[in-house]
Structures are given as structure tokens and as C-alpha cells.
């Protein structure tokens, strides 16, 4: 893991440990032991790739066919969905799982792209002392491209401006899978690199 990634396990207000590292190891080892194909995404993946930011949960993505196997593996490790799991139906797009201590794993279930490619291609890295498939910077750019959440827009901008992400590889993927999104990628990259100037401040009140 990137040397600064331990910031993920420190509360920036209290300075105390959040316990993320201990329960993340338990979740990752459970998935590895069950041989469930998955990839780490979100803040932990950002930290592994050199862009740490605070988080209190672990984000994991699996493809739809492996959703119940992932739920079973995490359940055996003490994490259970806070909503009912209906086995006779298609899995939900996301499950929020918690253990008795309230520690959270967010299980994203992919029925399409780009997440299915991320699960298939994520390179191994060390996260909290455990070898795990971790989304690359290029994978994360693709995920954030399909999100308008302010946090994800900020993460996208950080990747583009603070790393050597291979945007040409991202473009090649989109050209093959979803060429209509090329313009959106270029627009968002441009906005990240050349943000609009802030509005002028009003004159001092008399």
C-alpha cells in the first residue's frame, strides 16, 4: 500500500483509529479464501494507487453471477446485509453489509461495463497487508466518468491532475465499448485541468 494510505484508518477530527484496517483484512481474506472474483474500488483503491483520502468503509465490486457467493463469503466473516437478501431474484445493484461492530462493506454488483472489465482485469496489489485485485487509476477514471456525485467528481479531478494516469488507454476502452462517452471524458478532463475561475468577490461593505 502507498505509505500514506494509513490515513484511511485515522479519524481526521479525533486522530483515533477507525478500525478499517482490521475489518478490511477480514473481508478481503474471506473473499480470497472463497475464490470470489472481485476488485477493490473507491477510497481504498485510490489510496493503494497513491491518492489517500479518508473513508470508513470498504468498497468491493463483483459481477452479478458472483454476488451471492460474495455475500456468503462475507457472511461467514461476520458481515451481513442490512437489507433482506432475496435469493430467488436477481441480486440488487448494491448491498451494504455490516458486522456486529458496525463496520461496513459496500458490495457493488455489476451487470455491465465498466465494472465487469475492472473485475476481470484489476491488477493485484497489497491493501492492508492482504494481496487483492485493486482497480487501476484508469479503471477508477472509468467508474467516476459514469457518476455525478460531487465526491467522485473530485476524485476524478485528483486522478487527472495529480497522477500519470493513462488517459489514452481510457479512450481506447471507450472507443471499443462506449464511444458516445469520449466527448464526456474529454470535457471532464478539460474541466479538471482548467477549472473555471471563481466568481469575483463583492466589494467590502461600508
N, C-alpha and C. Protein backbone atom coordinates (compact mmCIF):
# COMPACT_ATOMS: atom_id res chain seq x y z
N UNK A 1 0.83 -1.19 0.00
CA UNK A 1 0.00 0.00 0.00
C UNK A 1 0.88 1.25 0.00
N UNK A 2 0.41 2.30 -0.61
CA UNK A 2 1.11 3.58 -0.58
C UNK A 2 1.41 3.97 0.86
N UNK A 3 2.61 4.52 1.14
CA UNK A 3 2.98 4.78 2.53
C UNK A 3 2.05 5.71 3.28
N UNK A 4 1.31 6.54 2.57
CA UNK A 4 0.41 7.46 3.25
C UNK A 4 -1.00 6.90 3.42
N UNK A 5 -1.21 5.67 2.96
CA UNK A 5 -2.56 5.13 2.93
C UNK A 5 -3.12 4.87 4.32
N UNK A 6 -2.25 4.87 5.36
CA UNK A 6 -2.79 4.64 6.69
C UNK A 6 -3.67 5.79 7.16
N UNK A 7 -3.67 6.90 6.42
CA UNK A 7 -4.59 8.00 6.75
C UNK A 7 -6.03 7.52 6.68
N UNK A 8 -6.26 6.46 5.89
CA UNK A 8 -7.61 5.91 5.78
C UNK A 8 -8.11 5.36 7.10
N UNK A 9 -7.20 5.00 7.97
CA UNK A 9 -7.58 4.38 9.24
C UNK A 9 -7.51 5.35 10.41
N UNK A 10 -7.37 6.64 10.10
CA UNK A 10 -7.28 7.66 11.14
C UNK A 10 -8.40 8.67 10.97
N UNK A 11 -9.17 8.89 12.03
CA UNK A 11 -10.22 9.89 12.00
C UNK A 11 -9.57 11.27 12.02
N UNK A 12 -9.82 12.12 10.98
CA UNK A 12 -9.14 13.41 10.92
C UNK A 12 -9.58 14.38 12.01
N UNK A 13 -10.70 14.12 12.66
CA UNK A 13 -11.19 15.01 13.72
C UNK A 13 -10.59 14.61 15.06
N UNK A 14 -10.70 13.31 15.40
CA UNK A 14 -10.25 12.85 16.71
C UNK A 14 -8.81 12.35 16.71
N UNK A 15 -8.30 11.98 15.53
CA UNK A 15 -6.97 11.40 15.46
C UNK A 15 -6.94 9.94 15.87
N UNK A 16 -8.11 9.37 16.21
CA UNK A 16 -8.17 7.97 16.62
C UNK A 16 -8.30 7.04 15.43
N UNK A 17 -7.96 5.78 15.66
CA UNK A 17 -8.09 4.77 14.62
C UNK A 17 -9.55 4.39 14.40
N UNK A 18 -9.92 4.20 13.14
CA UNK A 18 -11.30 3.83 12.83
C UNK A 18 -11.51 2.32 12.87
N UNK A 19 -10.45 1.56 12.83
CA UNK A 19 -10.57 0.10 12.78
C UNK A 19 -10.71 -0.45 11.38
N UNK A 20 -10.63 0.42 10.37
CA UNK A 20 -10.82 -0.02 8.99
C UNK A 20 -9.85 -1.12 8.60
N UNK A 21 -8.59 -0.98 8.97
CA UNK A 21 -7.59 -1.95 8.51
C UNK A 21 -7.90 -3.36 8.99
N UNK A 22 -8.32 -3.49 10.25
CA UNK A 22 -8.57 -4.82 10.81
C UNK A 22 -9.75 -5.49 10.13
N UNK A 23 -10.86 -4.78 9.97
CA UNK A 23 -12.02 -5.45 9.38
C UNK A 23 -11.88 -5.59 7.87
N UNK A 24 -11.13 -4.68 7.23
CA UNK A 24 -10.88 -4.81 5.80
C UNK A 24 -10.08 -6.08 5.51
N UNK A 25 -9.07 -6.36 6.35
CA UNK A 25 -8.30 -7.59 6.18
C UNK A 25 -9.21 -8.81 6.28
N UNK A 26 -10.13 -8.78 7.24
CA UNK A 26 -11.04 -9.91 7.42
C UNK A 26 -11.92 -10.11 6.18
N UNK A 27 -12.43 -9.03 5.62
CA UNK A 27 -13.29 -9.12 4.45
C UNK A 27 -12.51 -9.60 3.22
N UNK A 28 -11.33 -9.05 3.02
CA UNK A 28 -10.54 -9.42 1.85
C UNK A 28 -10.09 -10.88 1.93
N UNK A 29 -9.68 -11.31 3.10
CA UNK A 29 -9.27 -12.70 3.25
C UNK A 29 -10.44 -13.66 3.03
N UNK A 30 -11.63 -13.24 3.41
CA UNK A 30 -12.81 -14.09 3.18
C UNK A 30 -13.09 -14.24 1.70
N UNK A 31 -13.01 -13.14 0.95
CA UNK A 31 -13.25 -13.20 -0.49
C UNK A 31 -12.16 -14.01 -1.18
N UNK A 32 -10.91 -13.79 -0.77
CA UNK A 32 -9.81 -14.56 -1.37
C UNK A 32 -9.97 -16.05 -1.06
N UNK A 33 -10.32 -16.37 0.17
CA UNK A 33 -10.46 -17.77 0.55
C UNK A 33 -11.56 -18.48 -0.21
N UNK A 34 -12.64 -17.74 -0.52
CA UNK A 34 -13.75 -18.32 -1.26
C UNK A 34 -13.53 -18.28 -2.77
N UNK A 35 -12.41 -17.67 -3.18
CA UNK A 35 -12.07 -17.57 -4.61
C UNK A 35 -13.15 -16.85 -5.41
N UNK A 36 -13.73 -15.81 -4.81
CA UNK A 36 -14.72 -14.99 -5.50
C UNK A 36 -14.00 -13.92 -6.31
N UNK A 37 -14.23 -13.84 -7.62
CA UNK A 37 -13.62 -12.76 -8.40
C UNK A 37 -14.19 -11.41 -7.95
N UNK A 38 -13.33 -10.45 -7.66
CA UNK A 38 -13.77 -9.14 -7.20
C UNK A 38 -12.69 -8.13 -7.48
N UNK A 39 -12.99 -6.88 -7.21
CA UNK A 39 -11.97 -5.83 -7.28
C UNK A 39 -12.28 -4.80 -6.20
N UNK A 40 -11.22 -4.30 -5.60
CA UNK A 40 -11.35 -3.18 -4.67
C UNK A 40 -11.47 -1.90 -5.47
N UNK A 41 -12.43 -1.06 -5.08
CA UNK A 41 -12.63 0.23 -5.74
C UNK A 41 -12.76 1.29 -4.65
N UNK A 42 -13.14 2.50 -5.03
CA UNK A 42 -13.40 3.53 -4.04
C UNK A 42 -12.14 4.08 -3.40
N UNK A 43 -12.31 4.60 -2.18
CA UNK A 43 -11.23 5.30 -1.50
C UNK A 43 -10.03 4.43 -1.22
N UNK A 44 -10.26 3.15 -0.89
CA UNK A 44 -9.12 2.27 -0.62
C UNK A 44 -8.30 2.06 -1.89
N UNK A 45 -8.98 1.86 -3.02
CA UNK A 45 -8.25 1.72 -4.29
C UNK A 45 -7.48 2.99 -4.60
N UNK A 46 -8.08 4.14 -4.37
CA UNK A 46 -7.37 5.40 -4.57
C UNK A 46 -6.10 5.45 -3.72
N UNK A 47 -6.21 5.04 -2.47
CA UNK A 47 -5.06 5.08 -1.57
C UNK A 47 -3.96 4.14 -2.05
N UNK A 48 -4.34 2.93 -2.45
CA UNK A 48 -3.36 1.98 -2.95
C UNK A 48 -2.64 2.55 -4.17
N UNK A 49 -3.36 3.31 -4.97
CA UNK A 49 -2.78 3.90 -6.19
C UNK A 49 -2.14 5.26 -5.94
N UNK A 50 -2.04 5.66 -4.66
CA UNK A 50 -1.26 6.84 -4.32
C UNK A 50 -2.02 8.10 -4.02
N UNK A 51 -3.35 8.00 -3.88
CA UNK A 51 -4.17 9.18 -3.60
C UNK A 51 -5.05 8.93 -2.37
N UNK A 52 -4.46 8.90 -1.18
CA UNK A 52 -5.26 8.59 0.01
C UNK A 52 -6.29 9.65 0.33
N UNK A 53 -7.45 9.21 0.76
CA UNK A 53 -8.46 10.10 1.35
C UNK A 53 -9.21 9.32 2.41
N UNK A 54 -9.82 10.03 3.33
CA UNK A 54 -10.48 9.41 4.47
C UNK A 54 -11.70 8.59 4.03
N UNK A 55 -11.87 7.44 4.63
CA UNK A 55 -13.08 6.64 4.42
C UNK A 55 -13.31 5.78 5.64
N UNK A 56 -14.54 5.34 5.83
CA UNK A 56 -14.87 4.44 6.95
C UNK A 56 -15.41 3.11 6.45
N UNK A 57 -15.41 2.90 5.13
CA UNK A 57 -15.94 1.63 4.63
C UNK A 57 -15.06 1.10 3.51
N UNK A 58 -15.35 -0.12 3.14
CA UNK A 58 -14.61 -0.83 2.11
C UNK A 58 -15.54 -1.04 0.93
N UNK A 59 -15.11 -0.63 -0.27
CA UNK A 59 -15.91 -0.77 -1.47
C UNK A 59 -15.36 -1.91 -2.33
N UNK A 60 -16.22 -2.88 -2.62
CA UNK A 60 -15.83 -4.06 -3.39
C UNK A 60 -16.85 -4.23 -4.51
N UNK A 61 -16.36 -4.57 -5.72
CA UNK A 61 -17.27 -4.82 -6.83
C UNK A 61 -17.11 -6.26 -7.30
N UNK A 62 -18.25 -6.90 -7.60
CA UNK A 62 -18.28 -8.25 -8.17
C UNK A 62 -19.25 -8.22 -9.35
N UNK A 63 -19.15 -9.21 -10.21
CA UNK A 63 -20.14 -9.32 -11.30
C UNK A 63 -21.37 -10.02 -10.76
N UNK A 64 -22.46 -9.84 -11.46
CA UNK A 64 -23.76 -10.28 -10.96
C UNK A 64 -23.80 -11.78 -10.67
N UNK A 65 -23.08 -12.58 -11.47
CA UNK A 65 -23.10 -14.03 -11.28
C UNK A 65 -22.45 -14.45 -9.95
N UNK A 66 -21.58 -13.61 -9.42
CA UNK A 66 -20.86 -13.95 -8.20
C UNK A 66 -21.37 -13.23 -6.97
N UNK A 67 -22.50 -12.54 -7.10
CA UNK A 67 -23.00 -11.72 -5.99
C UNK A 67 -23.30 -12.57 -4.76
N UNK A 68 -24.03 -13.67 -4.94
CA UNK A 68 -24.42 -14.46 -3.78
C UNK A 68 -23.23 -15.19 -3.16
N UNK A 69 -22.26 -15.58 -3.99
CA UNK A 69 -21.04 -16.19 -3.45
C UNK A 69 -20.27 -15.19 -2.61
N UNK A 70 -20.25 -13.93 -3.06
CA UNK A 70 -19.58 -12.88 -2.28
C UNK A 70 -20.32 -12.63 -0.98
N UNK A 71 -21.65 -12.60 -1.03
CA UNK A 71 -22.44 -12.41 0.18
C UNK A 71 -22.20 -13.54 1.17
N UNK A 72 -22.10 -14.77 0.66
CA UNK A 72 -21.88 -15.92 1.53
C UNK A 72 -20.49 -15.83 2.18
N UNK A 73 -19.49 -15.46 1.39
CA UNK A 73 -18.12 -15.38 1.92
C UNK A 73 -18.02 -14.30 2.99
N UNK A 74 -18.61 -13.15 2.70
CA UNK A 74 -18.58 -12.07 3.68
C UNK A 74 -19.44 -12.40 4.89
N UNK A 75 -20.54 -13.12 4.67
CA UNK A 75 -21.38 -13.53 5.79
C UNK A 75 -20.63 -14.46 6.74
N UNK A 76 -19.83 -15.36 6.17
CA UNK A 76 -19.04 -16.26 7.00
C UNK A 76 -17.99 -15.51 7.80
N UNK A 77 -17.61 -14.31 7.31
CA UNK A 77 -16.63 -13.49 8.02
C UNK A 77 -17.29 -12.50 8.97
N UNK A 78 -18.62 -12.61 9.11
CA UNK A 78 -19.32 -11.78 10.09
C UNK A 78 -19.98 -10.55 9.54
N UNK A 79 -20.04 -10.40 8.19
CA UNK A 79 -20.68 -9.24 7.59
C UNK A 79 -22.02 -9.67 6.99
N UNK A 80 -23.08 -8.94 7.33
CA UNK A 80 -24.41 -9.32 6.87
C UNK A 80 -25.13 -8.11 6.30
N UNK A 81 -25.89 -8.33 5.24
CA UNK A 81 -26.62 -7.25 4.58
C UNK A 81 -27.64 -6.64 5.53
N UNK A 82 -27.71 -5.30 5.52
CA UNK A 82 -28.68 -4.64 6.39
C UNK A 82 -30.08 -4.71 5.80
N UNK A 83 -30.19 -5.07 4.52
CA UNK A 83 -31.49 -5.28 3.88
C UNK A 83 -31.64 -6.77 3.58
N UNK A 84 -32.86 -7.26 3.52
CA UNK A 84 -33.06 -8.69 3.24
C UNK A 84 -32.46 -9.09 1.89
N UNK A 85 -31.88 -10.27 1.84
CA UNK A 85 -31.33 -10.82 0.60
C UNK A 85 -32.30 -11.86 0.08
N UNK A 86 -32.87 -11.59 -1.10
CA UNK A 86 -33.86 -12.49 -1.69
C UNK A 86 -33.16 -13.34 -2.75
N UNK A 87 -32.93 -14.60 -2.44
CA UNK A 87 -32.11 -15.46 -3.29
C UNK A 87 -32.80 -15.83 -4.60
N UNK A 88 -34.10 -15.83 -4.65
CA UNK A 88 -34.79 -16.25 -5.86
C UNK A 88 -34.88 -15.18 -6.92
N UNK A 89 -34.37 -14.02 -6.66
CA UNK A 89 -34.44 -12.91 -7.60
C UNK A 89 -33.04 -12.47 -8.01
N UNK A 90 -32.97 -11.61 -9.03
CA UNK A 90 -31.68 -11.05 -9.42
C UNK A 90 -31.10 -10.27 -8.25
N UNK A 91 -29.78 -10.31 -8.07
CA UNK A 91 -29.18 -9.54 -6.97
C UNK A 91 -29.45 -8.05 -7.12
N UNK A 92 -29.42 -7.35 -6.01
CA UNK A 92 -29.54 -5.90 -6.02
C UNK A 92 -28.26 -5.28 -6.57
N UNK A 93 -28.32 -4.04 -7.07
CA UNK A 93 -27.10 -3.39 -7.59
C UNK A 93 -26.05 -3.14 -6.50
N UNK A 94 -26.50 -3.07 -5.24
CA UNK A 94 -25.55 -2.83 -4.16
C UNK A 94 -26.10 -3.38 -2.85
N UNK A 95 -25.21 -3.95 -2.06
CA UNK A 95 -25.56 -4.40 -0.72
C UNK A 95 -24.65 -3.70 0.28
N UNK A 96 -25.24 -3.18 1.33
CA UNK A 96 -24.48 -2.62 2.44
C UNK A 96 -24.44 -3.68 3.53
N UNK A 97 -23.24 -4.13 3.85
CA UNK A 97 -23.06 -5.18 4.85
C UNK A 97 -22.34 -4.61 6.07
N UNK A 98 -22.76 -5.05 7.24
CA UNK A 98 -22.12 -4.61 8.48
C UNK A 98 -21.88 -5.79 9.40
N UNK A 99 -20.86 -5.65 10.24
CA UNK A 99 -20.62 -6.65 11.26
C UNK A 99 -21.17 -6.15 12.59
N UNK A 100 -20.94 -6.88 13.66
CA UNK A 100 -21.51 -6.51 14.96
C UNK A 100 -20.97 -5.17 15.46
N UNK A 101 -19.79 -4.81 15.02
CA UNK A 101 -19.21 -3.54 15.44
C UNK A 101 -19.65 -2.36 14.59
N UNK A 102 -20.51 -2.62 13.59
CA UNK A 102 -20.97 -1.55 12.72
C UNK A 102 -20.03 -1.25 11.57
N UNK A 103 -18.97 -2.04 11.42
CA UNK A 103 -18.04 -1.83 10.31
C UNK A 103 -18.72 -2.21 8.99
N UNK A 104 -18.44 -1.43 7.95
CA UNK A 104 -19.24 -1.53 6.73
C UNK A 104 -18.43 -1.96 5.51
N UNK A 105 -19.03 -2.88 4.74
CA UNK A 105 -18.55 -3.25 3.42
C UNK A 105 -19.66 -2.95 2.43
N UNK A 106 -19.35 -2.17 1.42
CA UNK A 106 -20.31 -1.89 0.36
C UNK A 106 -20.00 -2.81 -0.82
N UNK A 107 -20.91 -3.71 -1.11
CA UNK A 107 -20.73 -4.68 -2.19
C UNK A 107 -21.49 -4.20 -3.42
N UNK A 108 -20.76 -3.78 -4.44
CA UNK A 108 -21.37 -3.32 -5.69
C UNK A 108 -21.49 -4.51 -6.63
N UNK A 109 -22.66 -4.66 -7.23
CA UNK A 109 -22.93 -5.80 -8.10
C UNK A 109 -23.06 -5.30 -9.54
N UNK A 110 -22.14 -5.72 -10.38
CA UNK A 110 -22.07 -5.20 -11.75
C UNK A 110 -22.80 -6.10 -12.72
N UNK A 111 -23.71 -5.50 -13.46
CA UNK A 111 -24.41 -6.22 -14.51
C UNK A 111 -23.88 -5.83 -15.89
N UNK A 112 -22.91 -4.91 -15.93
CA UNK A 112 -22.40 -4.43 -17.21
C UNK A 112 -21.04 -3.78 -17.05
N UNK A 113 -20.75 -2.91 -18.00
CA UNK A 113 -19.46 -2.21 -18.03
C UNK A 113 -19.57 -0.86 -17.31
N UNK A 114 -18.44 -0.30 -16.85
CA UNK A 114 -17.06 -0.82 -16.96
C UNK A 114 -16.68 -1.78 -15.83
N UNK A 115 -17.59 -1.99 -14.89
CA UNK A 115 -17.22 -2.78 -13.71
C UNK A 115 -16.83 -4.22 -14.03
N UNK A 116 -17.51 -4.84 -15.02
CA UNK A 116 -17.16 -6.23 -15.34
C UNK A 116 -15.73 -6.34 -15.86
N UNK A 117 -15.30 -5.35 -16.63
CA UNK A 117 -13.92 -5.33 -17.09
C UNK A 117 -12.96 -5.10 -15.93
N UNK A 118 -13.34 -4.25 -15.00
CA UNK A 118 -12.50 -3.97 -13.83
C UNK A 118 -12.28 -5.25 -13.03
N UNK A 119 -13.34 -6.01 -12.79
CA UNK A 119 -13.21 -7.27 -12.05
C UNK A 119 -12.28 -8.23 -12.79
N UNK A 120 -12.39 -8.26 -14.11
CA UNK A 120 -11.59 -9.20 -14.90
C UNK A 120 -10.13 -8.79 -14.99
N UNK A 121 -9.85 -7.49 -14.93
CA UNK A 121 -8.50 -7.01 -15.25
C UNK A 121 -7.77 -6.36 -14.08
N UNK A 122 -8.41 -6.12 -12.95
CA UNK A 122 -7.76 -5.38 -11.87
C UNK A 122 -6.46 -6.06 -11.44
N UNK A 123 -5.34 -5.34 -11.46
CA UNK A 123 -4.07 -5.95 -11.06
C UNK A 123 -3.99 -6.12 -9.55
N UNK A 124 -3.22 -7.13 -9.13
CA UNK A 124 -3.06 -7.39 -7.70
C UNK A 124 -2.17 -6.31 -7.06
N UNK A 125 -2.50 -5.98 -5.83
CA UNK A 125 -1.69 -5.05 -5.04
C UNK A 125 -1.91 -5.41 -3.58
N UNK A 126 -1.15 -4.80 -2.70
CA UNK A 126 -1.30 -5.07 -1.27
C UNK A 126 -2.15 -3.99 -0.64
N UNK A 127 -3.23 -4.39 -0.02
CA UNK A 127 -4.12 -3.47 0.69
C UNK A 127 -4.27 -3.96 2.11
N UNK A 128 -3.85 -3.16 3.08
CA UNK A 128 -3.92 -3.54 4.50
C UNK A 128 -3.22 -4.87 4.77
N UNK A 129 -2.13 -5.11 4.04
CA UNK A 129 -1.36 -6.32 4.25
C UNK A 129 -1.88 -7.55 3.53
N UNK A 130 -2.92 -7.40 2.72
CA UNK A 130 -3.52 -8.52 2.00
C UNK A 130 -3.38 -8.29 0.50
N UNK A 131 -2.95 -9.31 -0.23
CA UNK A 131 -2.91 -9.19 -1.69
C UNK A 131 -4.33 -9.28 -2.23
N UNK A 132 -4.69 -8.31 -3.05
CA UNK A 132 -6.06 -8.25 -3.55
C UNK A 132 -6.06 -7.57 -4.92
N UNK A 133 -7.05 -7.90 -5.77
CA UNK A 133 -7.20 -7.18 -7.03
C UNK A 133 -7.73 -5.77 -6.75
N UNK A 134 -7.01 -4.78 -7.24
CA UNK A 134 -7.34 -3.39 -6.95
C UNK A 134 -7.49 -2.62 -8.26
N UNK A 135 -8.59 -1.90 -8.40
CA UNK A 135 -8.82 -1.11 -9.61
C UNK A 135 -7.63 -0.19 -9.88
N UNK A 136 -7.23 -0.11 -11.13
CA UNK A 136 -6.16 0.79 -11.53
C UNK A 136 -6.70 2.22 -11.61
N UNK A 137 -5.80 3.17 -11.79
CA UNK A 137 -6.24 4.56 -11.97
C UNK A 137 -7.15 4.69 -13.19
N UNK A 138 -6.81 3.97 -14.24
CA UNK A 138 -7.63 4.02 -15.46
C UNK A 138 -9.03 3.45 -15.19
N UNK A 139 -9.10 2.36 -14.43
CA UNK A 139 -10.40 1.80 -14.05
C UNK A 139 -11.22 2.80 -13.25
N UNK A 140 -10.57 3.47 -12.31
CA UNK A 140 -11.28 4.42 -11.46
C UNK A 140 -11.80 5.60 -12.27
N UNK A 141 -11.01 6.07 -13.22
CA UNK A 141 -11.49 7.14 -14.11
C UNK A 141 -12.76 6.71 -14.81
N UNK A 142 -12.78 5.48 -15.30
CA UNK A 142 -13.97 4.99 -15.99
C UNK A 142 -15.17 4.95 -15.05
N UNK A 143 -14.99 4.44 -13.84
CA UNK A 143 -16.10 4.39 -12.91
C UNK A 143 -16.63 5.78 -12.59
N UNK A 144 -15.73 6.72 -12.32
CA UNK A 144 -16.15 8.07 -11.95
C UNK A 144 -16.76 8.82 -13.13
N UNK A 145 -16.40 8.42 -14.34
CA UNK A 145 -16.98 9.06 -15.52
C UNK A 145 -18.49 8.84 -15.58
N UNK A 146 -18.95 7.73 -15.01
CA UNK A 146 -20.38 7.41 -15.03
C UNK A 146 -21.09 7.84 -13.74
N UNK A 147 -20.47 8.74 -12.99
CA UNK A 147 -21.06 9.23 -11.75
C UNK A 147 -21.01 10.75 -11.72
N UNK A 148 -22.07 11.35 -11.18
CA UNK A 148 -22.10 12.80 -10.99
C UNK A 148 -22.05 13.18 -9.51
N UNK A 149 -21.74 12.22 -8.64
CA UNK A 149 -21.61 12.54 -7.23
C UNK A 149 -20.44 13.50 -7.01
N UNK A 150 -20.62 14.56 -6.23
CA UNK A 150 -19.53 15.52 -6.01
C UNK A 150 -18.23 14.88 -5.57
N UNK A 151 -18.31 13.87 -4.68
CA UNK A 151 -17.10 13.21 -4.21
C UNK A 151 -16.37 12.53 -5.35
N UNK A 152 -17.12 11.91 -6.25
CA UNK A 152 -16.50 11.22 -7.37
C UNK A 152 -15.94 12.20 -8.39
N UNK A 153 -16.60 13.33 -8.56
CA UNK A 153 -16.07 14.35 -9.46
C UNK A 153 -14.72 14.84 -8.93
N UNK A 154 -14.63 15.00 -7.62
CA UNK A 154 -13.37 15.42 -7.02
C UNK A 154 -12.29 14.37 -7.17
N UNK A 155 -12.66 13.09 -6.98
CA UNK A 155 -11.69 12.02 -7.14
C UNK A 155 -11.20 11.94 -8.58
N UNK A 156 -12.10 12.10 -9.53
CA UNK A 156 -11.74 12.12 -10.95
C UNK A 156 -10.72 13.22 -11.21
N UNK A 157 -11.00 14.42 -10.69
CA UNK A 157 -10.09 15.55 -10.92
C UNK A 157 -8.72 15.29 -10.29
N UNK A 158 -8.69 14.68 -9.12
CA UNK A 158 -7.41 14.37 -8.48
C UNK A 158 -6.60 13.40 -9.33
N UNK A 159 -7.25 12.37 -9.84
CA UNK A 159 -6.53 11.40 -10.67
C UNK A 159 -5.93 12.09 -11.89
N UNK A 160 -6.73 12.91 -12.54
CA UNK A 160 -6.29 13.56 -13.79
C UNK A 160 -5.16 14.56 -13.54
N UNK A 161 -5.22 15.27 -12.43
CA UNK A 161 -4.26 16.35 -12.20
C UNK A 161 -3.07 15.95 -11.33
N UNK A 162 -3.17 14.85 -10.57
CA UNK A 162 -2.11 14.52 -9.62
C UNK A 162 -1.38 13.22 -9.94
N UNK A 163 -1.78 12.52 -11.00
CA UNK A 163 -1.14 11.25 -11.33
C UNK A 163 -0.78 11.21 -12.81
N UNK A 164 -0.13 10.11 -13.19
CA UNK A 164 0.22 9.88 -14.60
C UNK A 164 -0.73 8.86 -15.21
N UNK A 165 -2.00 9.00 -14.92
CA UNK A 165 -3.00 8.08 -15.45
C UNK A 165 -2.90 8.04 -16.97
N UNK A 166 -3.09 6.86 -17.54
CA UNK A 166 -3.02 6.67 -18.99
C UNK A 166 -4.39 6.95 -19.61
N UNK A 167 -4.64 8.20 -19.91
CA UNK A 167 -5.94 8.56 -20.48
C UNK A 167 -6.11 8.01 -21.89
N UNK A 168 -5.02 7.77 -22.59
CA UNK A 168 -5.14 7.16 -23.93
C UNK A 168 -5.73 5.76 -23.82
N UNK A 169 -5.36 5.03 -22.76
CA UNK A 169 -5.93 3.70 -22.55
C UNK A 169 -7.42 3.79 -22.24
N UNK A 170 -7.80 4.81 -21.47
CA UNK A 170 -9.22 5.01 -21.17
C UNK A 170 -9.99 5.30 -22.46
N UNK A 171 -9.40 6.13 -23.32
CA UNK A 171 -10.06 6.46 -24.59
C UNK A 171 -10.20 5.22 -25.47
N UNK A 172 -9.17 4.38 -25.49
CA UNK A 172 -9.26 3.16 -26.31
C UNK A 172 -10.38 2.26 -25.82
N UNK A 173 -10.52 2.15 -24.51
CA UNK A 173 -11.61 1.35 -23.97
C UNK A 173 -12.96 1.92 -24.40
N UNK A 174 -13.13 3.22 -24.24
CA UNK A 174 -14.42 3.83 -24.61
C UNK A 174 -14.69 3.71 -26.09
N UNK A 175 -13.66 3.86 -26.90
CA UNK A 175 -13.83 3.74 -28.34
C UNK A 175 -14.37 2.37 -28.72
N UNK A 176 -13.95 1.36 -27.97
CA UNK A 176 -14.39 0.00 -28.25
C UNK A 176 -15.74 -0.33 -27.64
N UNK A 177 -16.02 0.22 -26.45
CA UNK A 177 -17.21 -0.18 -25.68
C UNK A 177 -18.32 0.85 -25.71
N UNK A 178 -17.98 2.12 -25.62
CA UNK A 178 -19.00 3.17 -25.49
C UNK A 178 -18.47 4.48 -26.07
N UNK A 179 -18.30 4.56 -27.39
CA UNK A 179 -17.69 5.75 -28.00
C UNK A 179 -18.44 7.04 -27.73
N UNK A 180 -19.72 6.94 -27.42
CA UNK A 180 -20.50 8.16 -27.14
C UNK A 180 -19.98 8.88 -25.90
N UNK A 181 -19.23 8.19 -25.05
CA UNK A 181 -18.74 8.81 -23.83
C UNK A 181 -17.38 9.48 -24.00
N UNK A 182 -16.79 9.40 -25.18
CA UNK A 182 -15.49 10.03 -25.40
C UNK A 182 -15.57 11.55 -25.19
N UNK A 183 -16.61 12.16 -25.70
CA UNK A 183 -16.75 13.61 -25.55
C UNK A 183 -16.90 13.98 -24.09
N UNK A 184 -17.66 13.17 -23.33
CA UNK A 184 -17.83 13.45 -21.90
C UNK A 184 -16.50 13.32 -21.16
N UNK A 185 -15.71 12.32 -21.52
CA UNK A 185 -14.39 12.16 -20.89
C UNK A 185 -13.53 13.38 -21.15
N UNK A 186 -13.45 13.80 -22.40
CA UNK A 186 -12.58 14.93 -22.73
C UNK A 186 -13.07 16.21 -22.08
N UNK A 187 -14.37 16.38 -22.00
CA UNK A 187 -14.91 17.57 -21.34
C UNK A 187 -14.57 17.57 -19.85
N UNK A 188 -14.71 16.42 -19.21
CA UNK A 188 -14.43 16.37 -17.77
C UNK A 188 -12.94 16.50 -17.49
N UNK A 189 -12.10 15.93 -18.34
CA UNK A 189 -10.66 16.09 -18.17
C UNK A 189 -10.28 17.57 -18.34
N UNK A 190 -10.86 18.22 -19.34
CA UNK A 190 -10.58 19.63 -19.54
C UNK A 190 -10.99 20.48 -18.36
N UNK A 191 -12.16 20.17 -17.79
CA UNK A 191 -12.64 20.93 -16.63
C UNK A 191 -11.74 20.71 -15.42
N UNK A 192 -11.19 19.49 -15.29
CA UNK A 192 -10.31 19.20 -14.16
C UNK A 192 -8.98 19.94 -14.30
N UNK A 193 -8.47 19.98 -15.50
CA UNK A 193 -7.16 20.61 -15.72
C UNK A 193 -7.26 22.13 -15.81
N UNK A 194 -8.39 22.60 -16.26
CA UNK A 194 -8.56 24.06 -16.43
C UNK A 194 -9.90 24.48 -15.83
N UNK A 195 -10.00 24.44 -14.50
CA UNK A 195 -11.28 24.79 -13.87
C UNK A 195 -11.65 26.25 -14.12
N UNK A 196 -12.94 26.48 -14.12
CA UNK A 196 -13.42 27.86 -14.31
C UNK A 196 -12.93 28.72 -13.15
N UNK A 197 -12.62 29.98 -13.42
CA UNK A 197 -12.17 30.85 -12.33
C UNK A 197 -13.30 31.10 -11.34
N UNK A 198 -12.95 31.34 -10.09
CA UNK A 198 -14.00 31.63 -9.11
C UNK A 198 -14.67 32.96 -9.40
N UNK A 199 -15.91 33.14 -8.98
CA UNK A 199 -16.58 34.42 -9.21
C UNK A 199 -15.89 35.53 -8.44
N UNK A 200 -15.95 36.75 -8.93
CA UNK A 200 -15.31 37.87 -8.21
C UNK A 200 -15.99 38.11 -6.87
N UNK A 201 -15.20 38.48 -5.90
CA UNK A 201 -15.76 38.77 -4.58
C UNK A 201 -16.40 40.16 -4.58
N UNK A 202 -17.46 40.32 -3.81
CA UNK A 202 -18.09 41.66 -3.75
C UNK A 202 -17.18 42.65 -3.01
N UNK A 203 -17.43 43.91 -3.26
CA UNK A 203 -16.65 44.93 -2.58
C UNK A 203 -16.98 44.92 -1.09
N UNK A 204 -16.07 45.45 -0.34
CA UNK A 204 -16.23 45.50 1.11
C UNK A 204 -17.46 46.34 1.47
N UNK A 205 -18.25 45.82 2.43
CA UNK A 205 -19.41 46.57 2.86
C UNK A 205 -19.00 47.80 3.64
N UNK A 206 -19.74 48.86 3.45
CA UNK A 206 -19.43 50.10 4.17
C UNK A 206 -20.15 50.14 5.51
